Amino acid sequence: MFEIDTRRPWREQLNWDLYANSDFKPITPFHLYVRPEGPASVRLSPTFSQFLRLPLELQHAIVKSCDSPTLFQLMHVSSSIRNEARKLFWSNPEAWYLVDSEWLFEGGFPGPTLHDPDFISCTKYVEVEVYLTSSLEPWSEERVPKFWETFQKCLPSVTHVVLSCIRFGNKLSDLHRAIVQQCPAKITASVSLLHDDESRPQLERSLWRYGSKGWELISLIWTHKCIFGSPKVFRGPVGLFQDMLYNSRLSRYRKMGLWVVRVQALEKHHFHGRSEPFKCPRTRCRVRFEHPGEWPLHAMKSRTHYRVSEASMPDEGLEAEYEKQDRISCDAWNSKPQVHLALQYGWGVKGSEDWSSVTEAFLNQIENDLLYAHREPARECSTFQTFRLLMSFVSVEI
């Protein structure tokens, strides 16, 4: 579900930590998911001297009552409770870890993914984003068995998987059925569909499962927390490049989240404790909003409104806070461009010594570093092709 509620966004405080994808689904970066809440003075002490004197059964009972950030901390302390904390942390049915279907179709090799392979292998609940287009590529019924084979190899702990279809409409196809029916017996597979037609009151996702009687609606509105997993170890020239890609994706999620906050702030200004109808702030749009929920729904469904700079914050305080958050986001991203610039300048001019040196180092790491191994030869793999494409903006094509 889109926890960004378009019907009453003004009932809650604005979430300045919001991250969201291009379909407005909230995304929780792993570092925020495990961030302890509350004052630092009340956070866990690494010693646990008194706690460890309790009977083991009582320790486990207490651990079961801990939230995810606390469990994550416990996973890195006493060995007597580490395993129990780890089991509980990865078993949270409300936390679904995002996995790219493209990575699985590339064979699940560690090279293409930006996430920690050990981290991925522990997850029990995963959400796989699938981009089913009119051509249904790279999906086809013939490739489904190989997909599940790779899935089990890379995600051995998974017990539940949801295939989230991106902008595919609200119809279940034969291909959806084939994917779910061929799912391994130990895994429960479901399909999540995005509904964005005009007949529905808000952007939302439904959850479906295929059973003996055909498709069954499990949940009309699927509520969950989508986690963008922790990064893998970034090292060498390929690591520098993938570090940039990882943070670029986080930056996009952050920008979209802040855009949603702008939309919610305008709605809150006009309908929180008052009723002040208003016109769409986009210059060429003549739509007028008479009731709560109409504006955010219009803004989110009108994808051309993504960059609506006219949607100014309704007061100076909110505008100042937005600019502050946007500046923090930009500063976080701008701490990375030294990597990008270093790669660009190191790339040099075609045929130069620098050009050959950077290319050789990049390809050599893909060929010899297991953490960056690909199925394809180094020059043909997706990581090198992406690197070459991005570098071509300032360099001549290889």
Protein backbone atom coordinates (compact mmCIF):
# COMPACT_ATOMS: atom_id res chain seq x y z
CA MET A 1 0.00 0.00 0.00
CA PHE A 2 0.95 3.60 -0.41
CA GLU A 3 1.29 4.67 3.18
CA ILE A 4 1.23 8.21 1.81
CA ASP A 5 -2.51 8.51 2.41
CA THR A 6 -3.97 10.79 -0.24
CA ARG A 7 -7.27 11.09 1.60
CA ARG A 8 -6.14 12.64 4.89
CA PRO A 9 -2.43 13.49 4.68
CA TRP A 10 -2.96 16.53 6.91
CA ARG A 11 -3.99 14.46 9.93
CA GLU A 12 -0.40 13.52 10.72
CA GLN A 13 2.79 15.49 11.17
CA LEU A 14 4.85 16.03 8.04
CA ASN A 15 7.49 13.32 7.74
CA TRP A 16 10.74 15.08 6.88
CA ASP A 17 12.55 11.73 6.75
CA LEU A 18 10.34 10.46 3.94
CA TYR A 19 11.87 8.57 1.01
CA ALA A 20 9.66 7.38 -1.87
CA ASN A 21 10.00 5.79 -5.30
CA SER A 22 8.57 7.16 -8.54
CA ASP A 23 5.20 5.56 -7.78
CA PHE A 24 5.11 7.27 -4.37
CA LYS A 25 5.64 4.07 -2.43
CA PRO A 26 7.49 4.93 0.79
CA ILE A 27 10.99 3.45 0.89
CA THR A 28 12.89 3.03 4.16
CA PRO A 29 16.69 3.07 3.77
CA PHE A 30 18.27 0.41 5.97
CA HIS A 31 20.25 2.96 8.01
CA LEU A 32 16.97 4.63 9.03
CA TYR A 33 15.23 1.33 9.69
CA VAL A 34 17.85 0.36 12.30
CA ARG A 35 18.36 3.86 13.70
CA PRO A 36 17.57 3.88 17.45
CA GLU A 37 14.73 6.15 18.43
CA GLY A 38 14.67 8.39 21.44
CA PRO A 39 17.48 10.18 23.33
CA ALA A 40 20.95 8.70 23.14
CA SER A 41 21.00 8.50 26.94
CA VAL A 42 18.33 5.78 26.95
CA ARG A 43 19.87 3.66 24.21
CA LEU A 44 21.42 0.31 24.94
CA SER A 45 24.66 0.03 26.83
CA PRO A 46 27.14 -2.34 25.16
CA THR A 47 27.96 -3.98 28.51
CA PHE A 48 24.56 -5.38 29.57
CA SER A 49 26.17 -6.48 32.84
CA GLN A 50 22.89 -6.84 34.77
CA PHE A 51 20.89 -8.15 31.85
CA LEU A 52 23.27 -11.05 31.24
CA ARG A 53 22.80 -12.23 34.85
CA LEU A 54 19.14 -13.02 34.16
CA PRO A 55 18.08 -16.60 33.31
CA LEU A 56 18.40 -17.30 29.59
CA GLU A 57 14.66 -17.87 29.23
CA LEU A 58 13.96 -14.43 30.70
CA GLN A 59 16.59 -12.85 28.47
CA HIS A 60 14.89 -14.32 25.41
CA ALA A 61 11.47 -13.16 26.62
CA ILE A 62 12.80 -9.60 26.94
CA VAL A 63 14.50 -9.76 23.55
CA LYS A 64 11.20 -10.76 21.93
CA SER A 65 9.69 -7.47 23.08
CA CYS A 66 12.41 -5.37 21.41
CA ASP A 67 11.88 -3.30 18.28
CA SER A 68 13.98 -3.74 15.14
CA PRO A 69 16.64 -1.09 15.93
CA THR A 70 17.21 -2.68 19.34
CA LEU A 71 17.38 -6.17 17.86
CA PHE A 72 19.93 -4.94 15.35
CA GLN A 73 22.11 -3.65 18.17
CA LEU A 74 21.73 -6.93 20.06
CA MET A 75 22.93 -8.81 16.98
CA HIS A 76 26.32 -7.21 17.53
CA VAL A 77 26.79 -7.80 21.26
CA SER A 78 26.68 -10.82 23.59
CA SER A 79 26.85 -14.18 21.83
CA SER A 80 24.31 -15.57 24.34
CA ILE A 81 21.49 -13.51 22.81
CA ARG A 82 22.94 -12.72 19.37
CA ASN A 83 21.34 -15.67 17.61
CA GLU A 84 17.93 -15.06 19.16
CA ALA A 85 18.08 -11.37 18.21
CA ARG A 86 19.13 -12.24 14.65
CA LYS A 87 16.27 -14.71 14.26
CA LEU A 88 13.72 -12.16 15.46
CA PHE A 89 15.19 -9.30 13.42
CA TRP A 90 14.92 -11.15 10.11
CA SER A 91 11.48 -12.58 10.94
CA ASN A 92 9.58 -9.29 11.14
CA PRO A 93 6.56 -9.83 8.81
CA GLU A 94 6.06 -6.09 8.42
CA ALA A 95 9.54 -5.47 6.93
CA TRP A 96 9.94 -6.44 3.28
CA TYR A 97 13.36 -6.06 1.67
CA LEU A 98 13.53 -4.72 -1.85
CA VAL A 99 15.19 -6.93 -4.49
CA ASP A 100 15.68 -6.09 -8.18
CA SER A 101 14.39 -8.70 -10.59
CA GLU A 102 17.08 -7.68 -13.10
CA TRP A 103 19.77 -8.86 -10.68
CA LEU A 104 18.13 -12.28 -10.44
CA PHE A 105 17.80 -12.50 -14.21
CA GLU A 106 21.52 -11.77 -14.48
CA GLY A 107 22.16 -14.96 -12.54
CA GLY A 108 22.32 -13.53 -9.01
CA PHE A 109 26.05 -12.93 -9.21
CA PRO A 110 27.43 -10.56 -6.53
CA GLY A 111 28.88 -8.10 -9.05
CA PRO A 112 25.74 -6.39 -10.37
CA THR A 113 24.00 -5.91 -7.01
CA LEU A 114 24.64 -2.87 -4.84
CA HIS A 115 23.62 -4.71 -1.68
CA ASP A 116 25.52 -6.89 0.77
CA PRO A 117 25.20 -10.55 -0.41
CA ASP A 118 25.35 -11.84 3.19
CA PHE A 119 22.60 -9.41 4.16
CA ILE A 120 20.43 -10.52 1.24
CA SER A 121 20.85 -14.19 2.11
CA CYS A 122 19.33 -13.66 5.60
CA THR A 123 16.08 -12.03 4.54
CA LYS A 124 12.81 -13.95 5.01
CA TYR A 125 10.41 -11.43 3.46
CA VAL A 126 11.31 -9.89 0.11
CA GLU A 127 9.58 -7.69 -2.41
CA VAL A 128 10.78 -8.19 -5.97
CA GLU A 129 10.03 -5.29 -8.30
CA VAL A 130 9.12 -6.59 -11.74
CA TYR A 131 8.80 -4.38 -14.77
CA LEU A 132 6.28 -6.26 -16.88
CA THR A 133 5.85 -4.26 -20.07
CA SER A 134 3.83 -4.92 -23.20
CA SER A 135 6.61 -7.21 -24.43
CA LEU A 136 6.86 -8.92 -21.02
CA GLU A 137 10.66 -8.88 -21.25
CA PRO A 138 12.77 -10.17 -19.65
CA TRP A 139 9.93 -12.29 -18.28
CA SER A 140 8.60 -15.27 -20.20
CA GLU A 141 7.16 -18.60 -19.07
CA GLU A 142 10.28 -20.37 -20.36
CA ARG A 143 12.51 -18.32 -18.08
CA VAL A 144 10.43 -18.73 -14.92
CA PRO A 145 12.10 -22.01 -13.74
CA LYS A 146 15.55 -20.43 -14.07
CA PHE A 147 14.32 -17.38 -12.16
CA TRP A 148 13.22 -19.51 -9.19
CA GLU A 149 16.44 -21.53 -9.32
CA THR A 150 18.49 -18.36 -9.02
CA PHE A 151 16.10 -16.99 -6.40
CA GLN A 152 16.62 -20.00 -4.11
CA LYS A 153 20.38 -19.88 -4.57
CA CYS A 154 20.67 -16.19 -3.68
CA LEU A 155 17.84 -15.94 -1.15
CA PRO A 156 17.94 -19.26 0.74
CA SER A 157 16.17 -17.94 3.85
CA VAL A 158 13.13 -16.43 2.12
CA THR A 159 9.74 -17.79 3.16
CA HIS A 160 7.53 -15.11 1.59
CA VAL A 161 7.93 -13.15 -1.62
CA VAL A 162 5.73 -10.53 -3.23
CA LEU A 163 6.17 -9.70 -6.89
CA SER A 164 5.33 -5.99 -7.14
CA CYS A 165 4.36 -5.01 -10.64
CA ILE A 166 5.43 -1.49 -11.55
CA ARG A 167 2.84 0.48 -13.55
CA PHE A 168 1.33 -2.66 -15.05
CA GLY A 169 -2.32 -1.84 -14.48
CA ASN A 170 -4.89 -3.75 -12.48
CA LYS A 171 -5.12 -7.08 -14.35
CA LEU A 172 -3.57 -10.43 -13.51
CA SER A 173 -2.10 -12.26 -16.50
CA ASP A 174 -1.20 -15.85 -17.42
CA LEU A 175 2.41 -14.92 -16.82
CA HIS A 176 1.64 -13.87 -13.25
CA ARG A 177 -0.04 -17.24 -12.75
CA ALA A 178 2.94 -19.13 -14.20
CA ILE A 179 5.38 -17.30 -11.94
CA VAL A 180 3.36 -17.98 -8.78
CA GLN A 181 2.48 -21.59 -9.65
CA GLN A 182 6.14 -22.52 -10.23
CA CYS A 183 7.22 -21.03 -6.91
CA PRO A 184 9.10 -23.52 -4.68
CA ALA A 185 6.90 -25.27 -2.13
CA LYS A 186 8.64 -23.73 0.91
CA ILE A 187 7.95 -20.19 -0.33
CA THR A 188 4.62 -18.36 -0.30
CA ALA A 189 4.40 -16.18 -3.41
CA SER A 190 1.95 -13.34 -4.00
CA VAL A 191 1.46 -10.62 -6.58
CA SER A 192 1.02 -6.94 -5.74
CA LEU A 193 -0.75 -4.77 -8.30
CA LEU A 194 -0.70 -1.00 -8.47
CA HIS A 195 -4.08 0.61 -9.08
CA ASP A 196 -3.99 4.12 -10.48
CA ASP A 197 -7.17 4.29 -12.56
CA GLU A 198 -9.61 7.13 -12.07
CA SER A 199 -12.30 4.89 -10.54
CA ARG A 200 -10.30 4.26 -7.37
CA PRO A 201 -10.24 6.73 -4.48
CA GLN A 202 -6.48 6.67 -4.00
CA LEU A 203 -3.22 5.17 -5.21
CA GLU A 204 -2.95 1.78 -3.57
CA ARG A 205 -1.69 -1.77 -3.95
CA SER A 206 -3.71 -4.94 -3.64
CA LEU A 207 -2.26 -8.36 -2.81
CA TRP A 208 -3.23 -11.53 -4.72
CA ARG A 209 -2.40 -15.22 -4.42
CA TYR A 210 -3.14 -18.05 -6.83
CA GLY A 211 -4.90 -21.05 -5.27
CA SER A 212 -7.01 -24.07 -6.21
CA LYS A 213 -9.91 -21.79 -7.17
CA GLY A 214 -7.81 -19.35 -9.15
CA TRP A 215 -6.78 -15.87 -8.04
CA GLU A 216 -7.70 -14.94 -4.50
CA LEU A 217 -7.65 -11.40 -3.12
CA ILE A 218 -5.55 -11.50 0.05
CA SER A 219 -5.66 -7.80 0.84
CA LEU A 220 -7.40 -4.94 -0.91
CA ILE A 221 -4.81 -2.54 0.50
CA TRP A 222 -1.41 -4.08 1.20
CA THR A 223 0.30 -2.39 4.14
CA HIS A 224 4.01 -2.99 4.66
CA LYS A 225 7.38 -1.34 5.19
CA CYS A 226 9.65 -1.54 2.15
CA ILE A 227 13.34 -1.63 3.10
CA PHE A 228 16.15 -0.55 0.77
CA GLY A 229 18.90 -2.88 1.95
CA SER A 230 22.36 -2.14 3.29
CA PRO A 231 25.16 -1.62 0.75
CA LYS A 232 27.87 -4.16 0.10
CA VAL A 233 31.55 -3.40 0.72
CA PHE A 234 32.60 -0.88 -1.91
CA ARG A 235 36.28 -1.19 -2.81
CA GLY A 236 38.51 -0.48 -5.77
CA PRO A 237 37.43 1.44 -8.90
CA VAL A 238 34.30 -0.67 -9.38
CA GLY A 239 33.36 -0.10 -5.74
CA LEU A 240 33.79 3.65 -6.12
CA PHE A 241 31.45 3.58 -9.08
CA GLN A 242 28.83 1.40 -7.38
CA ASP A 243 29.00 3.53 -4.25
CA MET A 244 27.98 6.43 -6.45
CA LEU A 245 25.11 4.40 -7.95
CA TYR A 246 23.86 3.34 -4.51
CA ASN A 247 23.83 6.89 -3.20
CA SER A 248 22.33 8.18 -6.43
CA ARG A 249 19.38 5.88 -5.93
CA LEU A 250 18.98 6.98 -2.32
CA SER A 251 19.13 10.59 -3.51
CA ARG A 252 16.30 9.98 -5.99
CA TYR A 253 14.18 8.38 -3.28
CA ARG A 254 14.89 11.35 -1.01
CA LYS A 255 14.00 13.93 -3.67
CA MET A 256 10.70 12.21 -4.36
CA GLY A 257 9.98 11.97 -0.64
CA LEU A 258 10.53 15.70 -0.21
CA TRP A 259 8.31 16.36 -3.22
CA VAL A 260 5.52 14.40 -1.50
CA VAL A 261 6.04 16.48 1.65
CA ARG A 262 5.49 19.66 -0.41
CA VAL A 263 2.23 18.23 -1.71
CA GLN A 264 1.07 17.23 1.78
CA ALA A 265 2.01 20.60 3.26
CA LEU A 266 -0.18 22.46 0.79
CA GLU A 267 -3.07 20.11 1.50
CA LYS A 268 -2.63 20.52 5.24
CA HIS A 269 -2.59 24.30 4.93
CA HIS A 270 -5.98 24.40 3.20
CA PHE A 271 -7.85 21.62 5.01
CA HIS A 272 -6.41 21.19 8.48
CA GLY A 273 -8.91 22.85 10.82
CA ARG A 274 -10.36 24.83 7.94
CA SER A 275 -11.87 24.39 4.50
CA GLU A 276 -10.27 26.61 1.87
CA PRO A 277 -10.69 25.25 -1.68
CA PHE A 278 -7.82 26.11 -4.02
CA LYS A 279 -6.62 25.75 -7.59
CA CYS A 280 -3.79 23.50 -8.73
CA PRO A 281 -0.54 25.47 -8.34
CA ARG A 282 0.73 24.32 -11.73
CA THR A 283 0.39 27.27 -14.08
CA ARG A 284 -1.34 25.52 -16.97
CA CYS A 285 -3.58 23.29 -14.86
CA ARG A 286 -7.11 24.56 -14.13
CA VAL A 287 -8.27 21.83 -11.74
CA ARG A 288 -9.78 23.12 -8.50
CA PHE A 289 -9.90 21.19 -5.23
CA GLU A 290 -13.01 21.51 -3.11
CA HIS A 291 -12.49 18.63 -0.67
CA PRO A 292 -9.65 17.06 1.33
CA GLY A 293 -7.66 14.44 -0.56
CA GLU A 294 -8.39 15.76 -4.05
CA TRP A 295 -5.14 17.71 -4.40
CA PRO A 296 -2.62 15.01 -3.35
CA LEU A 297 -4.48 12.41 -5.43
CA HIS A 298 -4.42 14.75 -8.44
CA ALA A 299 -0.74 15.58 -7.95
CA MET A 300 0.29 11.93 -7.61
CA LYS A 301 -1.81 10.69 -10.52
CA SER A 302 -0.76 13.58 -12.79
CA ARG A 303 2.79 12.35 -13.29
CA THR A 304 3.60 15.47 -15.28
CA HIS A 305 3.35 17.31 -11.94
CA TYR A 306 6.48 15.60 -10.58
CA ARG A 307 8.55 18.75 -10.87
CA VAL A 308 5.86 21.24 -9.94
CA SER A 309 7.99 24.04 -8.54
CA GLU A 310 4.87 26.21 -8.30
CA ALA A 311 3.70 24.15 -5.32
CA SER A 312 5.38 26.44 -2.82
CA MET A 313 5.23 25.77 0.87
CA PRO A 314 2.28 27.64 2.41
CA ASP A 315 4.35 29.57 4.97
CA GLU A 316 7.91 30.76 5.49
CA GLY A 317 8.62 28.33 8.34
CA LEU A 318 7.77 25.29 6.24
CA GLU A 319 9.65 26.68 3.26
CA ALA A 320 12.73 27.19 5.42
CA GLU A 321 12.49 23.65 6.77
CA TYR A 322 12.08 22.27 3.26
CA GLU A 323 15.13 24.17 2.02
CA LYS A 324 17.08 22.90 5.03
CA GLN A 325 16.14 19.27 4.33
CA ASP A 326 16.81 19.68 0.62
CA ARG A 327 20.21 21.19 1.41
CA ILE A 328 21.05 18.29 3.73
CA SER A 329 20.06 15.87 0.99
CA CYS A 330 22.18 17.73 -1.56
CA ASP A 331 25.14 17.91 0.80
CA ALA A 332 24.97 14.16 1.37
CA TRP A 333 25.02 13.60 -2.38
CA ASN A 334 27.64 16.26 -3.02
CA SER A 335 30.05 14.47 -0.70
CA LYS A 336 30.15 11.71 -3.30
CA PRO A 337 30.89 13.55 -6.54
CA GLN A 338 34.59 13.55 -5.77
CA VAL A 339 34.34 9.87 -6.63
CA HIS A 340 32.47 10.65 -9.81
CA LEU A 341 34.85 13.41 -10.81
CA ALA A 342 37.88 11.31 -10.00
CA LEU A 343 36.60 8.59 -12.28
CA GLN A 344 35.74 11.09 -15.00
CA TYR A 345 39.06 12.89 -14.92
CA GLY A 346 40.92 9.63 -14.58
CA TRP A 347 39.10 8.37 -17.66
CA GLY A 348 41.06 10.84 -19.73
CA VAL A 349 41.04 11.18 -23.49
CA LYS A 350 40.38 8.19 -25.70
CA GLY A 351 43.57 6.35 -26.46
CA SER A 352 45.52 8.07 -23.70
CA GLU A 353 47.49 6.28 -21.00
CA ASP A 354 44.94 7.33 -18.36
CA TRP A 355 42.10 5.96 -20.48
CA SER A 356 43.74 2.57 -20.82
CA SER A 357 44.81 2.48 -17.18
CA VAL A 358 41.33 3.15 -15.75
CA THR A 359 39.72 0.71 -18.17
CA GLU A 360 42.21 -2.02 -17.35
CA ALA A 361 41.84 -1.52 -13.57
CA PHE A 362 38.03 -1.57 -13.81
CA LEU A 363 37.93 -4.71 -15.95
CA ASN A 364 40.63 -6.42 -13.91
CA GLN A 365 38.63 -6.03 -10.70
CA ILE A 366 35.49 -7.47 -12.30
CA GLU A 367 37.50 -10.47 -13.50
CA ASN A 368 39.37 -11.16 -10.24
CA ASP A 369 37.39 -9.79 -7.29
CA LEU A 370 34.72 -12.33 -6.29
CA LEU A 371 32.56 -9.61 -4.75
CA TYR A 372 32.29 -8.03 -8.21
CA ALA A 373 31.98 -11.20 -10.28
CA HIS A 374 29.50 -11.23 -13.17
CA ARG A 375 28.06 -13.96 -15.34
CA GLU A 376 29.18 -12.24 -18.53
CA PRO A 377 32.77 -11.45 -19.54
CA ALA A 378 34.00 -8.21 -17.96
CA ARG A 379 33.66 -6.08 -21.11
CA GLU A 380 30.12 -7.32 -21.73
CA CYS A 381 28.76 -7.15 -18.18
CA SER A 382 26.11 -4.64 -17.13
CA THR A 383 28.33 -2.83 -14.62
CA PHE A 384 31.03 -1.99 -17.15
CA GLN A 385 28.46 -1.04 -19.79
CA THR A 386 26.76 1.32 -17.33
CA PHE A 387 30.12 2.78 -16.28
CA ARG A 388 31.10 3.38 -19.89
CA LEU A 389 27.73 4.97 -20.67
CA LEU A 390 27.88 7.41 -17.74
CA MET A 391 31.48 8.31 -18.38
CA SER A 392 30.65 8.99 -22.02
CA PHE A 393 28.88 12.18 -20.91
CA VAL A 394 32.32 13.72 -20.49
CA SER A 395 34.38 11.37 -22.63
CA VAL A 396 34.36 9.99 -26.13
CA GLU A 397 32.83 6.51 -26.46
CA ILE A 398 35.25 3.60 -26.20
